[in-house]
Amino acid sequence: MNLWVKFGISCLSILLTEGWAVAQTPGRYAGNCTDSACHKGLTELKVVHAPITQGACDACHESIAGEEHKFRLARTGGELCTECHEDVTKDLPFVHGPVAVGACTACHQAHSSNLAHLLVREEKNLCVECHSAIQERLGTGSHVHRPVSEGCLGCHQGHGAKNKMMLSTEAPRLCLDCHGEIETLLSDNPHQHGPVGKGECAACHDPHGSVNAALLAQDYPPKFYAPFVEKAYSLCFECHESEAFTEKLTDKATGFRDGTRNLHYLHVNQSVKGRTCRACHDPHATKNSKQILESVPFGTWKIPLNFKETEIGGSCAPGCHKPATYKRTETAGVSP
């Protein structure tokens, strides 16, 4: 055998044994690009794209003219990524915008990153670069939903989902998976607030952040007593007519009336110590109809309400005033 042939075979054997050689396809660049000074930095970050770790640069790049070191992507847009990541949105009716148009590099680095999943930025900062309206709300809100502060993928899928808004699970299941105390409350109490019964948690709560406690979407008095101001009840008046609390006499604005004497107005519409909604109602669910509580926290004491409903009204014997009865058909009650 020719000496030069033997030498060539020996060299090739060494290269293959040490893992330096990379399989090549005719017309493609041969060699490990990251061994060179040009692209060595691509392997120095914490997370490296699998083809690069295997020296398979030609999985994504193909040479135009190998001698001149010119390359192009082997496929265009998202088609390149789905050659390997083919199941990322399979059978999912809702697809994230960048994924839908093949703009994978809007969120992911192509070669390497210091972040998991080759993200271009930390998850909690990445999403708000596009979702700027959410960023603005978070910037002005003093209360931020914990999953948002930790990263959006606690509630949303990054690529595609079976649910609108890329939610990983439909509400209310999504919310109840964390808020187990509310799930227990709902299972033990049959009379649920309208939005709660429909699974519409976001009707009252902002799932990202709010200036109001409990992530409430609009103003709602935080304490037992409060002077009556319509704006303070903006959340409630999204669904409930304000006339039930602003008209002293009525025969239709509310069912809580003694004849035409509006008992909502009597309790709530006070200039100093108006009783807020929380004085009698639970916003989620109760054993009584109209979300009327059995007892109300008042300092260290729980005030019993002893509410009883009738076909034409009802009665209560609470700790805050003597027993009273009301009838919608006639004046029957005792002033609280």
Protein backbone atom coordinates (compact mmCIF):
# COMPACT_ATOMS: atom_id res chain seq x y z
CA MET A 1 0.00 0.00 0.00
CA ASN A 2 1.27 3.47 -0.85
CA LEU A 3 2.86 5.21 2.20
CA TRP A 4 0.81 8.36 1.73
CA VAL A 5 -2.39 6.32 1.66
CA LYS A 6 -1.40 4.55 4.89
CA PHE A 7 -0.62 7.92 6.51
CA GLY A 8 -3.96 9.33 5.43
CA ILE A 9 -5.87 6.34 6.83
CA SER A 10 -4.04 6.66 10.16
CA CYS A 11 -4.83 10.35 10.47
CA LEU A 12 -8.48 9.80 9.66
CA SER A 13 -8.67 6.99 12.24
CA ILE A 14 -7.30 9.30 14.93
CA LEU A 15 -9.72 12.05 14.06
CA LEU A 16 -12.72 9.75 14.17
CA THR A 17 -11.64 8.20 17.45
CA GLU A 18 -11.24 11.59 19.12
CA GLY A 19 -14.58 12.80 17.80
CA TRP A 20 -13.09 15.67 15.82
CA ALA A 21 -14.49 14.75 12.46
CA VAL A 22 -18.05 15.67 11.48
CA ALA A 23 -20.05 13.71 8.95
CA GLN A 24 -20.50 15.76 5.83
CA THR A 25 -22.92 15.79 2.96
CA PRO A 26 -21.69 16.60 -0.53
CA GLY A 27 -21.92 20.33 -1.04
CA ARG A 28 -21.97 21.12 2.69
CA TYR A 29 -19.21 22.60 4.83
CA ALA A 30 -17.12 19.94 6.61
CA GLY A 31 -15.61 20.57 10.01
CA ASN A 32 -16.60 21.65 13.49
CA CYS A 33 -17.24 25.39 13.30
CA THR A 34 -16.92 25.95 17.05
CA ASP A 35 -13.35 24.65 17.03
CA SER A 36 -12.36 27.81 15.22
CA ALA A 37 -11.69 31.17 16.79
CA CYS A 38 -14.60 32.62 14.82
CA HIS A 39 -17.42 30.70 16.50
CA LYS A 40 -15.84 29.39 19.69
CA GLY A 41 -17.97 31.72 21.83
CA LEU A 42 -21.13 29.87 20.79
CA THR A 43 -20.32 27.04 23.20
CA GLU A 44 -19.26 29.12 26.21
CA LEU A 45 -22.75 29.93 27.57
CA LYS A 46 -24.61 27.67 30.00
CA VAL A 47 -27.17 26.21 27.57
CA VAL A 48 -26.06 25.20 24.08
CA HIS A 49 -28.38 24.13 21.26
CA ALA A 50 -28.07 20.36 20.73
CA PRO A 51 -26.84 20.44 17.10
CA ILE A 52 -23.94 22.65 18.16
CA THR A 53 -22.91 20.33 21.00
CA GLN A 54 -22.76 17.55 18.41
CA GLY A 55 -20.84 19.66 15.91
CA ALA A 56 -23.76 19.34 13.50
CA CYS A 57 -23.84 22.92 12.25
CA ASP A 58 -25.00 21.63 8.90
CA ALA A 59 -28.29 20.56 10.52
CA CYS A 60 -29.33 24.21 10.18
CA HIS A 61 -26.78 25.76 7.79
CA GLU A 62 -25.73 24.78 4.29
CA SER A 63 -22.87 26.14 2.28
CA ILE A 64 -23.42 28.23 -0.81
CA ALA A 65 -19.80 28.12 -1.84
CA GLY A 66 -17.74 26.15 0.63
CA GLU A 67 -14.43 27.51 -0.52
CA GLU A 68 -15.58 31.06 0.20
CA HIS A 69 -17.12 30.16 3.58
CA LYS A 70 -20.59 31.41 2.71
CA PHE A 71 -23.70 29.80 4.17
CA ARG A 72 -27.48 30.05 4.26
CA LEU A 73 -30.15 28.50 6.46
CA ALA A 74 -31.16 25.05 5.30
CA ARG A 75 -34.84 26.02 5.51
CA THR A 76 -36.71 29.27 6.01
CA GLY A 77 -38.42 30.59 9.15
CA GLY A 78 -40.12 28.16 11.48
CA GLU A 79 -39.71 25.31 9.01
CA LEU A 80 -36.11 25.04 10.13
CA CYS A 81 -37.06 24.57 13.79
CA THR A 82 -39.96 22.20 13.17
CA GLU A 83 -37.59 19.77 11.49
CA CYS A 84 -36.68 18.74 15.05
CA HIS A 85 -39.37 20.38 17.22
CA GLU A 86 -42.26 19.02 15.18
CA ASP A 87 -44.79 18.49 18.01
CA VAL A 88 -44.61 21.93 19.55
CA THR A 89 -48.09 23.05 18.35
CA LYS A 90 -49.59 19.81 17.05
CA ASP A 91 -53.41 19.67 17.39
CA LEU A 92 -53.50 22.95 19.33
CA PRO A 93 -56.16 25.46 18.18
CA PHE A 94 -54.42 28.49 19.67
CA VAL A 95 -50.84 29.28 18.65
CA HIS A 96 -48.59 32.03 20.00
CA GLY A 97 -48.10 34.77 17.40
CA PRO A 98 -44.32 34.41 16.93
CA VAL A 99 -44.70 30.64 16.59
CA ALA A 100 -47.49 31.02 14.04
CA VAL A 101 -45.28 33.11 11.74
CA GLY A 102 -42.10 31.12 12.34
CA ALA A 103 -40.36 33.83 14.35
CA CYS A 104 -38.90 31.44 16.92
CA THR A 105 -35.88 33.69 17.49
CA ALA A 106 -38.16 36.36 18.93
CA CYS A 107 -38.01 34.32 22.14
CA HIS A 108 -35.17 31.82 21.67
CA GLN A 109 -31.48 32.11 20.86
CA ALA A 110 -30.49 29.92 17.95
CA HIS A 111 -27.09 28.85 19.26
CA SER A 112 -26.66 29.28 23.02
CA SER A 113 -27.90 31.17 26.05
CA ASN A 114 -27.36 31.48 29.78
CA LEU A 115 -31.08 30.77 30.28
CA ALA A 116 -33.07 27.54 30.14
CA HIS A 117 -34.76 26.72 26.82
CA LEU A 118 -32.33 29.10 25.09
CA LEU A 119 -34.53 32.08 26.00
CA VAL A 120 -33.23 35.46 24.87
CA ARG A 121 -34.23 37.06 28.19
CA GLU A 122 -35.57 35.95 31.56
CA GLU A 123 -39.13 34.73 31.23
CA LYS A 124 -40.74 37.49 33.32
CA ASN A 125 -38.98 40.16 31.22
CA LEU A 126 -39.31 38.44 27.85
CA CYS A 127 -43.11 38.45 27.60
CA VAL A 128 -43.64 42.11 28.47
CA GLU A 129 -41.41 43.20 25.59
CA CYS A 130 -44.39 42.53 23.33
CA HIS A 131 -47.19 42.66 25.90
CA SER A 132 -46.44 46.25 26.87
CA ALA A 133 -49.97 46.95 28.16
CA ILE A 134 -49.38 44.33 30.85
CA GLN A 135 -46.06 45.95 31.68
CA GLU A 136 -47.75 49.32 32.11
CA ARG A 137 -50.31 47.86 34.50
CA LEU A 138 -47.62 46.14 36.50
CA GLY A 139 -45.63 49.35 36.65
CA THR A 140 -48.49 51.29 38.21
CA GLY A 141 -49.96 48.50 40.33
CA SER A 142 -48.89 47.95 43.92
CA HIS A 143 -50.20 44.38 43.90
CA VAL A 144 -48.74 41.86 41.43
CA HIS A 145 -50.03 38.32 40.97
CA ARG A 146 -47.33 35.99 42.25
CA PRO A 147 -47.17 33.82 39.09
CA VAL A 148 -46.53 37.00 37.08
CA SER A 149 -43.61 38.02 39.28
CA GLU A 150 -42.18 34.51 39.00
CA GLY A 151 -42.81 34.04 35.28
CA CYS A 152 -45.79 33.94 32.95
CA LEU A 153 -45.60 30.20 32.28
CA GLY A 154 -47.33 29.52 35.59
CA CYS A 155 -50.60 30.26 33.77
CA HIS A 156 -49.78 30.49 30.05
CA GLN A 157 -48.26 28.15 27.49
CA GLY A 158 -45.36 29.54 25.49
CA HIS A 159 -46.01 27.95 22.09
CA GLY A 160 -49.62 26.84 21.77
CA ALA A 161 -52.59 25.88 23.89
CA LYS A 162 -56.04 24.35 23.85
CA ASN A 163 -57.46 27.46 25.53
CA LYS A 164 -57.82 31.11 24.59
CA MET A 165 -55.17 33.55 25.79
CA MET A 166 -52.72 30.64 25.70
CA LEU A 167 -53.95 29.56 29.13
CA SER A 168 -52.62 26.19 30.24
CA THR A 169 -56.01 25.31 31.76
CA GLU A 170 -59.42 26.97 31.54
CA ALA A 171 -60.68 29.16 34.36
CA PRO A 172 -61.80 28.56 37.04
CA ARG A 173 -59.73 25.36 37.18
CA LEU A 174 -56.62 27.39 36.44
CA CYS A 175 -57.26 29.65 39.45
CA LEU A 176 -58.45 26.91 41.80
CA ASP A 177 -55.28 24.88 41.25
CA CYS A 178 -53.55 27.47 43.46
CA HIS A 179 -56.47 28.94 45.40
CA GLY A 180 -57.58 25.73 47.09
CA GLU A 181 -59.32 27.62 49.89
CA ILE A 182 -61.75 29.09 47.35
CA GLU A 183 -62.42 25.65 45.89
CA THR A 184 -63.30 24.40 49.37
CA LEU A 185 -65.56 27.42 49.91
CA LEU A 186 -67.38 26.77 46.63
CA SER A 187 -67.88 23.08 47.33
CA ASP A 188 -69.34 23.81 50.78
CA ASN A 189 -71.61 26.70 49.74
CA PRO A 190 -74.25 26.28 47.01
CA HIS A 191 -75.12 29.95 46.42
CA GLN A 192 -72.36 31.38 44.27
CA HIS A 193 -71.81 34.91 43.05
CA GLY A 194 -72.76 35.18 39.36
CA PRO A 195 -69.24 35.55 37.91
CA VAL A 196 -67.94 32.80 40.19
CA GLY A 197 -70.66 30.40 39.09
CA LYS A 198 -69.72 31.05 35.46
CA GLY A 199 -66.02 30.56 36.16
CA GLU A 200 -65.27 34.19 35.31
CA CYS A 201 -62.73 35.06 37.99
CA ALA A 202 -61.34 37.85 35.80
CA ALA A 203 -64.67 39.69 35.99
CA CYS A 204 -63.58 40.92 39.42
CA HIS A 205 -59.85 40.18 39.58
CA ASP A 206 -57.04 41.31 37.31
CA PRO A 207 -54.95 38.17 36.80
CA HIS A 208 -51.72 40.16 36.34
CA GLY A 209 -51.66 43.08 38.75
CA SER A 210 -53.74 45.88 40.25
CA VAL A 211 -53.60 48.98 42.42
CA ASN A 212 -56.28 47.32 44.55
CA ALA A 213 -55.85 44.64 47.18
CA ALA A 214 -56.78 41.08 46.20
CA LEU A 215 -56.02 42.07 42.58
CA LEU A 216 -59.49 43.57 42.27
CA ALA A 217 -60.02 45.04 38.83
CA GLN A 218 -61.69 48.21 40.11
CA ASP A 219 -62.37 50.10 43.34
CA TYR A 220 -64.07 48.29 46.21
CA PRO A 221 -64.10 49.43 49.86
CA PRO A 222 -61.53 47.42 51.81
CA LYS A 223 -63.09 47.80 55.27
CA PHE A 224 -66.33 47.12 57.12
CA TYR A 225 -67.27 50.82 57.31
CA ALA A 226 -66.81 53.47 54.61
CA PRO A 227 -68.45 56.78 53.62
CA PHE A 228 -70.62 56.17 50.55
CA VAL A 229 -69.05 57.40 47.31
CA GLU A 230 -70.18 55.83 44.04
CA LYS A 231 -66.65 55.57 42.68
CA ALA A 232 -65.62 53.50 45.69
CA TYR A 233 -67.99 50.79 44.45
CA SER A 234 -66.91 50.84 40.80
CA LEU A 235 -66.31 47.10 40.84
CA CYS A 236 -69.82 46.26 42.04
CA PHE A 237 -71.52 48.77 39.75
CA GLU A 238 -70.07 47.06 36.70
CA CYS A 239 -72.93 44.56 37.13
CA HIS A 240 -75.22 45.95 39.86
CA GLU A 241 -77.26 49.11 39.21
CA SER A 242 -76.17 52.01 41.38
CA GLU A 243 -79.82 53.05 41.90
CA ALA A 244 -80.13 50.24 44.44
CA PHE A 245 -77.83 52.30 46.69
CA THR A 246 -78.60 55.89 45.68
CA GLU A 247 -82.43 55.96 45.73
CA LYS A 248 -83.85 56.33 49.23
CA LEU A 249 -87.29 55.16 48.12
CA THR A 250 -87.93 52.62 45.37
CA ASP A 251 -90.32 49.90 44.32
CA LYS A 252 -88.01 48.20 41.81
CA ALA A 253 -84.30 49.14 42.20
CA THR A 254 -83.72 46.43 44.84
CA GLY A 255 -85.46 43.49 46.45
CA PHE A 256 -83.97 44.46 49.80
CA ARG A 257 -86.69 46.97 50.74
CA ASP A 258 -89.46 47.33 53.23
CA GLY A 259 -92.34 48.48 51.08
CA THR A 260 -90.65 51.31 49.17
CA ARG A 261 -88.04 51.95 51.87
CA ASN A 262 -84.69 51.04 50.33
CA LEU A 263 -82.74 49.04 52.93
CA HIS A 264 -79.59 48.93 50.81
CA TYR A 265 -79.62 52.73 50.85
CA LEU A 266 -80.21 52.70 54.62
CA HIS A 267 -77.21 50.47 55.32
CA VAL A 268 -74.72 51.65 52.70
CA ASN A 269 -75.47 55.27 51.81
CA GLN A 270 -74.10 56.98 54.91
CA SER A 271 -71.71 59.93 54.99
CA VAL A 272 -69.51 58.49 57.74
CA LYS A 273 -70.12 54.86 58.71
CA GLY A 274 -71.81 53.29 55.74
CA ARG A 275 -71.84 49.49 55.90
CA THR A 276 -69.93 48.19 52.90
CA CYS A 277 -70.95 45.11 50.91
CA ARG A 278 -68.63 42.92 52.98
CA ALA A 279 -70.74 43.68 56.10
CA CYS A 280 -73.39 41.22 54.87
CA HIS A 281 -72.15 39.49 51.71
CA ASP A 282 -69.38 37.12 50.68
CA PRO A 283 -68.10 37.85 47.15
CA HIS A 284 -67.67 34.17 46.28
CA ALA A 285 -70.29 31.87 47.82
CA THR A 286 -72.48 31.28 50.88
CA LYS A 287 -75.04 28.86 52.24
CA ASN A 288 -77.66 31.63 52.10
CA SER A 289 -79.04 33.07 48.88
CA LYS A 290 -77.79 36.46 47.67
CA GLN A 291 -74.38 35.54 49.11
CA ILE A 292 -75.58 36.63 52.57
CA LEU A 293 -73.15 35.51 55.24
CA GLU A 294 -73.98 33.52 58.34
CA SER A 295 -71.56 35.66 60.34
CA VAL A 296 -69.28 38.62 59.66
CA PRO A 297 -65.75 39.20 61.06
CA PHE A 298 -65.67 42.34 63.19
CA GLY A 299 -62.37 42.63 64.98
CA THR A 300 -61.97 39.45 67.03
CA TRP A 301 -65.73 38.81 67.04
CA LYS A 302 -67.87 37.21 64.38
CA ILE A 303 -71.20 39.02 64.22
CA PRO A 304 -74.03 36.51 63.61
CA LEU A 305 -76.58 37.68 61.02
CA ASN A 306 -79.28 35.06 61.57
CA PHE A 307 -80.81 35.88 58.19
CA LYS A 308 -84.01 34.13 57.18
CA GLU A 309 -85.55 34.58 53.75
CA THR A 310 -89.28 34.57 52.98
CA GLU A 311 -91.19 34.74 49.71
CA ILE A 312 -91.91 38.46 50.19
CA GLY A 313 -88.86 39.55 52.16
CA GLY A 314 -86.93 38.28 55.15
CA SER A 315 -85.59 38.95 58.60
CA CYS A 316 -82.32 39.16 60.48
CA ALA A 317 -81.35 39.20 64.13
CA PRO A 318 -77.71 40.31 64.04
CA GLY A 319 -75.38 41.56 66.70
CA CYS A 320 -75.35 45.05 65.19
CA HIS A 321 -79.04 45.94 65.72
CA LYS A 322 -82.18 44.43 67.20
CA PRO A 323 -84.17 41.88 65.17
CA ALA A 324 -85.86 43.32 62.10
CA THR A 325 -88.26 42.08 59.42
CA TYR A 326 -88.89 43.45 55.96
CA LYS A 327 -91.66 42.88 53.44
CA ARG A 328 -91.54 44.15 49.89
CA THR A 329 -95.33 44.34 49.73
CA GLU A 330 -95.71 46.61 52.77
CA THR A 331 -93.74 48.43 55.43
CA ALA A 332 -93.14 45.94 58.24
CA GLY A 333 -89.67 46.40 59.61
CA VAL A 334 -87.99 47.97 62.58
CA SER A 335 -85.32 50.59 61.90
CA PRO A 336 -81.79 49.22 62.35
